[in-house]
Each structure stands twice: as C-alpha cells, then as structure tokens.
Amino acid sequence: MAITSILCSQKPLLKHTHSFPKFNTASKSHKTRFPAPKPVASLLGTGLVLTLAGSASATELPQLLSSLQLTEPANALSLPTWAIHVSSVVEWIIAMALVWEYGEKSGFDSWKGLSWGMVPLLGGAFCACTWHFFYNSESLEVLVALQAALTVIGNATMCFAAFRIYKSSEERSEKL
C-alpha cells in the first residue's frame, strides 16, 4: 500500500537541487541542446534487453540468461590483481612522461634518455598483461620469453641512462 502511494504520488518526492551547467551561447547563432541522460540511458537499456532477448518467449528467458553467465578458467587473474597490473602500467607511463618533462624543463637532456631507457620495460609489462589477458595460454608462451628479454634490455638501458645522467651532472659540477 505504501509503495503504491509513493509510486503514484502527484508531488515529487525529492527536490531538484542540481542543474546542468549552462554554457555561454551568446556568441552562437543557434542553441545546442544535449539530450537528457535519463531517457538516453533508458533507451540504451531497452535496446540491450531487446538485443539480448530478441524474439525469445517468457519461457525461454531464464535459459537465455543462464547462458550469459561467464565462466573463467582456474588460472584467471582476480579483479584486484588486474587492478594492480593495469595501475602499474599506467604509473610507469606517467613516470616516463614526468621524467621526460623534467628533462625538458631543466634543460638536462640526459634525463630524456632515462625516459627512453624505460621503454623496453614498458614493452615487457605489455607482454605480461597480454599473456594474462589470454589466461596464460600455452600458444602465447613466446610472450614470456619476450618479456624476459625486454626486462634484461630495459635494465641495461636504464643503467646506461643513469650513467649518462651521472656523467652530465659531474660535468656540470666541474664547470661551477
């Protein structure tokens, strides 16, 4: 009874407290109107349901929904592990960009070399994520070897870049 009275109420239950930002349209000759998010979401949801259900009858719907359940192999990574993998790759890319920016702003080009030295290690991270994405498939074992090779190469290029930074800072300190 209470739910019926709430759903059929003439008065709004919640006050509208948030409005979309208004853009300055004084310089435009025509007004642009964006579609409201609720109707768009409901249309997309309806389209998804119709796509999934198709012409299925009410008796076929439970069977259809049970067939949509996804099963993963035992060696699949968990969601937190994926979060760590992806965030580590993103963090590495940000670190590369920050090192490059430091090299540009400070005028020490040897720091840009460190950013380039980080590229093979990023490639190794992409190999690891790709291999895990395909559930550690035996047909992609080459990615494990490629990751190992890129790690060795990346460690060498980072070492060389660090040596270049050391030498350039040593030269700068001798000039002072």
C-alpha atoms as a PDB file:
ATOM      1  CA  MET A   1       0.000   0.000   0.000  1.00  0.00           C
ATOM      2  CA  ALA A   2       2.743   2.436   0.972  1.00  0.00           C
ATOM      3  CA  ILE A   3       4.749   1.638  -2.151  1.00  0.00           C
ATOM      4  CA  THR A   4       1.700   2.227  -4.332  1.00  0.00           C
ATOM      5  CA  SER A   5       1.092   5.615  -2.770  1.00  0.00           C
ATOM      6  CA  ILE A   6       4.748   6.577  -3.205  1.00  0.00           C
ATOM      7  CA  LEU A   7       4.869   5.481  -6.843  1.00  0.00           C
ATOM      8  CA  CYS A   8       1.536   7.076  -7.746  1.00  0.00           C
ATOM      9  CA  SER A   9       2.108  10.326  -5.853  1.00  0.00           C
ATOM     10  CA  GLN A  10       1.429  13.561  -7.750  1.00  0.00           C
ATOM     11  CA  LYS A  11       4.067  15.518  -5.835  1.00  0.00           C
ATOM     12  CA  PRO A  12       7.772  14.987  -6.411  1.00  0.00           C
ATOM     13  CA  LEU A  13       9.438  13.093  -3.585  1.00  0.00           C
ATOM     14  CA  LEU A  14      12.851  14.740  -3.931  1.00  0.00           C
ATOM     15  CA  LYS A  15      13.638  18.360  -4.620  1.00  0.00           C
ATOM     16  CA  HIS A  16      15.673  19.087  -7.714  1.00  0.00           C
ATOM     17  CA  THR A  17      18.907  20.512  -6.305  1.00  0.00           C
ATOM     18  CA  HIS A  18      21.348  20.016  -9.147  1.00  0.00           C
ATOM     19  CA  SER A  19      21.220  21.570 -12.580  1.00  0.00           C
ATOM     20  CA  PHE A  20      23.448  21.081 -15.567  1.00  0.00           C
ATOM     21  CA  PRO A  21      25.981  23.835 -16.240  1.00  0.00           C
ATOM     22  CA  LYS A  22      24.855  26.494 -18.663  1.00  0.00           C
ATOM     23  CA  PHE A  23      27.208  27.286 -21.469  1.00  0.00           C
ATOM     24  CA  ASN A  24      27.703  30.767 -22.827  1.00  0.00           C
ATOM     25  CA  THR A  25      25.761  30.697 -26.074  1.00  0.00           C
ATOM     26  CA  ALA A  26      25.731  34.463 -26.697  1.00  0.00           C
ATOM     27  CA  SER A  27      28.295  34.168 -29.499  1.00  0.00           C
ATOM     28  CA  LYS A  28      26.469  31.294 -31.195  1.00  0.00           C
ATOM     29  CA  SER A  29      23.688  31.917 -33.632  1.00  0.00           C
ATOM     30  CA  HIS A  30      21.891  28.705 -32.662  1.00  0.00           C
ATOM     31  CA  LYS A  31      21.368  26.944 -29.376  1.00  0.00           C
ATOM     32  CA  THR A  32      22.755  23.473 -28.791  1.00  0.00           C
ATOM     33  CA  ARG A  33      20.704  21.152 -26.636  1.00  0.00           C
ATOM     34  CA  PHE A  34      22.150  17.955 -25.234  1.00  0.00           C
ATOM     35  CA  PRO A  35      19.786  15.034 -24.658  1.00  0.00           C
ATOM     36  CA  ALA A  36      18.803  14.384 -21.058  1.00  0.00           C
ATOM     37  CA  PRO A  37      20.775  11.482 -19.517  1.00  0.00           C
ATOM     38  CA  LYS A  38      17.765   9.511 -18.167  1.00  0.00           C
ATOM     39  CA  PRO A  39      15.972   8.980 -21.496  1.00  0.00           C
ATOM     40  CA  VAL A  40      19.235   8.115 -23.230  1.00  0.00           C
ATOM     41  CA  ALA A  41      20.105   5.571 -20.529  1.00  0.00           C
ATOM     42  CA  SER A  42      16.642   4.045 -20.654  1.00  0.00           C
ATOM     43  CA  LEU A  43      16.797   3.794 -24.453  1.00  0.00           C
ATOM     44  CA  LEU A  44      20.177   2.103 -24.267  1.00  0.00           C
ATOM     45  CA  GLY A  45      18.929  -0.277 -21.579  1.00  0.00           C
ATOM     46  CA  THR A  46      15.827  -1.113 -23.592  1.00  0.00           C
ATOM     47  CA  GLY A  47      17.921  -1.698 -26.678  1.00  0.00           C
ATOM     48  CA  LEU A  48      20.233  -4.007 -24.738  1.00  0.00           C
ATOM     49  CA  VAL A  49      17.314  -6.016 -23.365  1.00  0.00           C
ATOM     50  CA  LEU A  50      15.715  -6.313 -26.802  1.00  0.00           C
ATOM     51  CA  THR A  51      19.019  -7.325 -28.328  1.00  0.00           C
ATOM     52  CA  LEU A  52      19.644  -9.992 -25.711  1.00  0.00           C
ATOM     53  CA  ALA A  53      16.081 -11.252 -25.535  1.00  0.00           C
ATOM     54  CA  GLY A  54      15.313 -10.926 -29.236  1.00  0.00           C
ATOM     55  CA  SER A  55      12.205 -12.909 -30.025  1.00  0.00           C
ATOM     56  CA  ALA A  56      12.527 -15.180 -27.001  1.00  0.00           C
ATOM     57  CA  SER A  57       9.352 -16.079 -25.245  1.00  0.00           C
ATOM     58  CA  ALA A  58       8.876 -15.770 -21.487  1.00  0.00           C
ATOM     59  CA  THR A  59       9.657 -19.459 -21.007  1.00  0.00           C
ATOM     60  CA  GLU A  60      12.956 -19.177 -22.878  1.00  0.00           C
ATOM     61  CA  LEU A  61      14.179 -16.094 -20.995  1.00  0.00           C
ATOM     62  CA  PRO A  62      15.619 -17.902 -17.887  1.00  0.00           C
ATOM     63  CA  GLN A  63      17.517 -20.274 -20.168  1.00  0.00           C
ATOM     64  CA  LEU A  64      18.821 -17.326 -22.184  1.00  0.00           C
ATOM     65  CA  LEU A  65      20.020 -15.506 -19.059  1.00  0.00           C
ATOM     66  CA  SER A  66      21.734 -18.618 -17.679  1.00  0.00           C
ATOM     67  CA  SER A  67      23.656 -18.993 -20.945  1.00  0.00           C
ATOM     68  CA  LEU A  68      25.062 -15.455 -20.491  1.00  0.00           C
ATOM     69  CA  GLN A  69      26.927 -16.372 -17.330  1.00  0.00           C
ATOM     70  CA  LEU A  70      30.641 -16.288 -17.977  1.00  0.00           C
ATOM     71  CA  THR A  71      32.991 -18.853 -16.521  1.00  0.00           C
ATOM     72  CA  GLU A  72      36.694 -18.302 -16.298  1.00  0.00           C
ATOM     73  CA  PRO A  73      39.466 -20.864 -16.028  1.00  0.00           C
ATOM     74  CA  ALA A  74      41.143 -21.545 -12.714  1.00  0.00           C
ATOM     75  CA  ASN A  75      44.260 -19.586 -13.722  1.00  0.00           C
ATOM     76  CA  ALA A  76      42.348 -16.341 -14.400  1.00  0.00           C
ATOM     77  CA  LEU A  77      43.571 -13.293 -12.527  1.00  0.00           C
ATOM     78  CA  SER A  78      41.306 -11.777  -9.901  1.00  0.00           C
ATOM     79  CA  LEU A  79      39.943  -8.264 -10.231  1.00  0.00           C
ATOM     80  CA  PRO A  80      42.350  -6.823  -7.581  1.00  0.00           C
ATOM     81  CA  THR A  81      45.296  -8.440  -9.368  1.00  0.00           C
ATOM     82  CA  TRP A  82      44.172  -6.908 -12.657  1.00  0.00           C
ATOM     83  CA  ALA A  83      43.847  -3.549 -10.917  1.00  0.00           C
ATOM     84  CA  ILE A  84      47.455  -3.818  -9.746  1.00  0.00           C
ATOM     85  CA  HIS A  85      48.700  -4.846 -13.204  1.00  0.00           C
ATOM     86  CA  VAL A  86      46.892  -2.045 -15.020  1.00  0.00           C
ATOM     87  CA  SER A  87      47.705   0.628 -12.432  1.00  0.00           C
ATOM     88  CA  SER A  88      51.378  -0.365 -12.533  1.00  0.00           C
ATOM     89  CA  VAL A  89      51.481   0.079 -16.306  1.00  0.00           C
ATOM     90  CA  VAL A  90      49.692   3.431 -16.057  1.00  0.00           C
ATOM     91  CA  GLU A  91      52.054   4.505 -13.276  1.00  0.00           C
ATOM     92  CA  TRP A  92      55.071   3.556 -15.413  1.00  0.00           C
ATOM     93  CA  ILE A  93      53.752   5.587 -18.356  1.00  0.00           C
ATOM     94  CA  ILE A  94      53.192   8.599 -16.071  1.00  0.00           C
ATOM     95  CA  ALA A  95      56.708   8.203 -14.674  1.00  0.00           C
ATOM     96  CA  MET A  96      58.130   8.167 -18.200  1.00  0.00           C
ATOM     97  CA  ALA A  97      56.226  11.343 -19.052  1.00  0.00           C
ATOM     98  CA  LEU A  98      57.335  13.089 -15.853  1.00  0.00           C
ATOM     99  CA  VAL A  99      60.994  12.160 -16.415  1.00  0.00           C
ATOM    100  CA  TRP A 100      60.761  13.471 -19.981  1.00  0.00           C
ATOM    101  CA  GLU A 101      59.128  16.697 -18.785  1.00  0.00           C
ATOM    102  CA  TYR A 102      61.823  17.152 -16.135  1.00  0.00           C
ATOM    103  CA  GLY A 103      64.468  16.770 -18.840  1.00  0.00           C
ATOM    104  CA  GLU A 104      62.779  19.416 -20.981  1.00  0.00           C
ATOM    105  CA  LYS A 105      62.106  21.924 -18.206  1.00  0.00           C
ATOM    106  CA  SER A 106      65.508  21.606 -16.549  1.00  0.00           C
ATOM    107  CA  GLY A 107      67.461  21.553 -19.789  1.00  0.00           C
ATOM    108  CA  PHE A 108      69.225  18.309 -18.822  1.00  0.00           C
ATOM    109  CA  ASP A 109      68.794  16.193 -21.942  1.00  0.00           C
ATOM    110  CA  SER A 110      70.324  13.157 -20.254  1.00  0.00           C
ATOM    111  CA  TRP A 111      67.056  12.787 -18.310  1.00  0.00           C
ATOM    112  CA  LYS A 112      65.200  12.345 -21.591  1.00  0.00           C
ATOM    113  CA  GLY A 113      67.493   9.387 -22.204  1.00  0.00           C
ATOM    114  CA  LEU A 114      66.228   7.849 -18.982  1.00  0.00           C
ATOM    115  CA  SER A 115      62.700   8.114 -20.323  1.00  0.00           C
ATOM    116  CA  TRP A 116      63.769   6.321 -23.495  1.00  0.00           C
ATOM    117  CA  GLY A 117      65.524   3.707 -21.361  1.00  0.00           C
ATOM    118  CA  MET A 118      62.209   2.934 -19.671  1.00  0.00           C
ATOM    119  CA  VAL A 119      60.504   1.949 -22.965  1.00  0.00           C
ATOM    120  CA  PRO A 120      61.707  -1.713 -23.110  1.00  0.00           C
ATOM    121  CA  LEU A 121      60.433  -2.288 -19.582  1.00  0.00           C
ATOM    122  CA  LEU A 122      57.047  -0.908 -20.624  1.00  0.00           C
ATOM    123  CA  GLY A 123      57.060  -3.364 -23.514  1.00  0.00           C
ATOM    124  CA  GLY A 124      57.722  -6.171 -21.033  1.00  0.00           C
ATOM    125  CA  ALA A 125      54.756  -5.016 -18.950  1.00  0.00           C
ATOM    126  CA  PHE A 126      52.539  -5.098 -22.047  1.00  0.00           C
ATOM    127  CA  CYS A 127      53.742  -8.646 -22.759  1.00  0.00           C
ATOM    128  CA  ALA A 128      52.823  -9.760 -19.234  1.00  0.00           C
ATOM    129  CA  CYS A 129      49.372  -8.157 -19.348  1.00  0.00           C
ATOM    130  CA  THR A 130      48.677  -9.630 -22.789  1.00  0.00           C
ATOM    131  CA  TRP A 131      49.689 -13.113 -21.673  1.00  0.00           C
ATOM    132  CA  HIS A 132      47.471 -12.869 -18.592  1.00  0.00           C
ATOM    133  CA  PHE A 133      44.584 -11.459 -20.644  1.00  0.00           C
ATOM    134  CA  PHE A 134      44.552 -14.669 -22.673  1.00  0.00           C
ATOM    135  CA  TYR A 135      44.631 -16.811 -19.493  1.00  0.00           C
ATOM    136  CA  ASN A 136      48.322 -17.698 -19.750  1.00  0.00           C
ATOM    137  CA  SER A 137      47.740 -19.578 -22.989  1.00  0.00           C
ATOM    138  CA  GLU A 138      50.450 -22.044 -23.966  1.00  0.00           C
ATOM    139  CA  SER A 139      50.288 -20.785 -27.540  1.00  0.00           C
ATOM    140  CA  LEU A 140      51.486 -17.397 -26.282  1.00  0.00           C
ATOM    141  CA  GLU A 141      54.475 -18.708 -24.308  1.00  0.00           C
ATOM    142  CA  VAL A 142      56.656 -16.611 -26.616  1.00  0.00           C
ATOM    143  CA  LEU A 143      55.400 -13.549 -24.694  1.00  0.00           C
ATOM    144  CA  VAL A 144      57.055 -14.867 -21.530  1.00  0.00           C
ATOM    145  CA  ALA A 145      60.405 -15.126 -23.311  1.00  0.00           C
ATOM    146  CA  LEU A 146      59.866 -11.712 -24.910  1.00  0.00           C
ATOM    147  CA  GLN A 147      59.062 -10.204 -21.520  1.00  0.00           C
ATOM    148  CA  ALA A 148      62.261 -11.669 -20.060  1.00  0.00           C
ATOM    149  CA  ALA A 149      64.335 -10.322 -22.966  1.00  0.00           C
ATOM    150  CA  LEU A 150      62.733  -6.869 -22.720  1.00  0.00           C
ATOM    151  CA  THR A 151      63.389  -6.834 -18.970  1.00  0.00           C
ATOM    152  CA  VAL A 152      67.097  -7.552 -19.489  1.00  0.00           C
ATOM    153  CA  ILE A 153      67.321  -4.966 -22.278  1.00  0.00           C
ATOM    154  CA  GLY A 154      65.330  -2.436 -20.199  1.00  0.00           C
ATOM    155  CA  ASN A 155      67.576  -2.923 -17.177  1.00  0.00           C
ATOM    156  CA  ALA A 156      70.632  -2.344 -19.370  1.00  0.00           C
ATOM    157  CA  THR A 157      69.173   0.788 -20.993  1.00  0.00           C
ATOM    158  CA  MET A 158      68.154   2.184 -17.608  1.00  0.00           C
ATOM    159  CA  CYS A 159      71.658   1.525 -16.287  1.00  0.00           C
ATOM    160  CA  PHE A 160      73.185   3.253 -19.302  1.00  0.00           C
ATOM    161  CA  ALA A 161      70.792   6.213 -18.940  1.00  0.00           C
ATOM    162  CA  ALA A 162      71.621   6.527 -15.240  1.00  0.00           C
ATOM    163  CA  PHE A 163      75.336   6.519 -16.123  1.00  0.00           C
ATOM    164  CA  ARG A 164      74.723   9.318 -18.661  1.00  0.00           C
ATOM    165  CA  ILE A 165      72.882  11.358 -16.004  1.00  0.00           C
ATOM    166  CA  TYR A 166      75.804  10.820 -13.614  1.00  0.00           C
ATOM    167  CA  LYS A 167      78.357  11.910 -16.226  1.00  0.00           C
ATOM    168  CA  SER A 168      76.378  15.007 -17.246  1.00  0.00           C
ATOM    169  CA  SER A 169      75.904  16.071 -13.621  1.00  0.00           C
ATOM    170  CA  GLU A 170      79.603  15.503 -12.986  1.00  0.00           C
ATOM    171  CA  GLU A 171      80.475  17.753 -15.954  1.00  0.00           C
ATOM    172  CA  ARG A 172      78.090  20.423 -14.734  1.00  0.00           C
ATOM    173  CA  SER A 173      79.560  20.391 -11.247  1.00  0.00           C
ATOM    174  CA  GLU A 174      83.108  20.762 -12.653  1.00  0.00           C
ATOM    175  CA  LYS A 175      82.015  23.904 -14.528  1.00  0.00           C
ATOM    176  CA  LEU A 176      80.851  25.503 -11.290  1.00  0.00           C
END
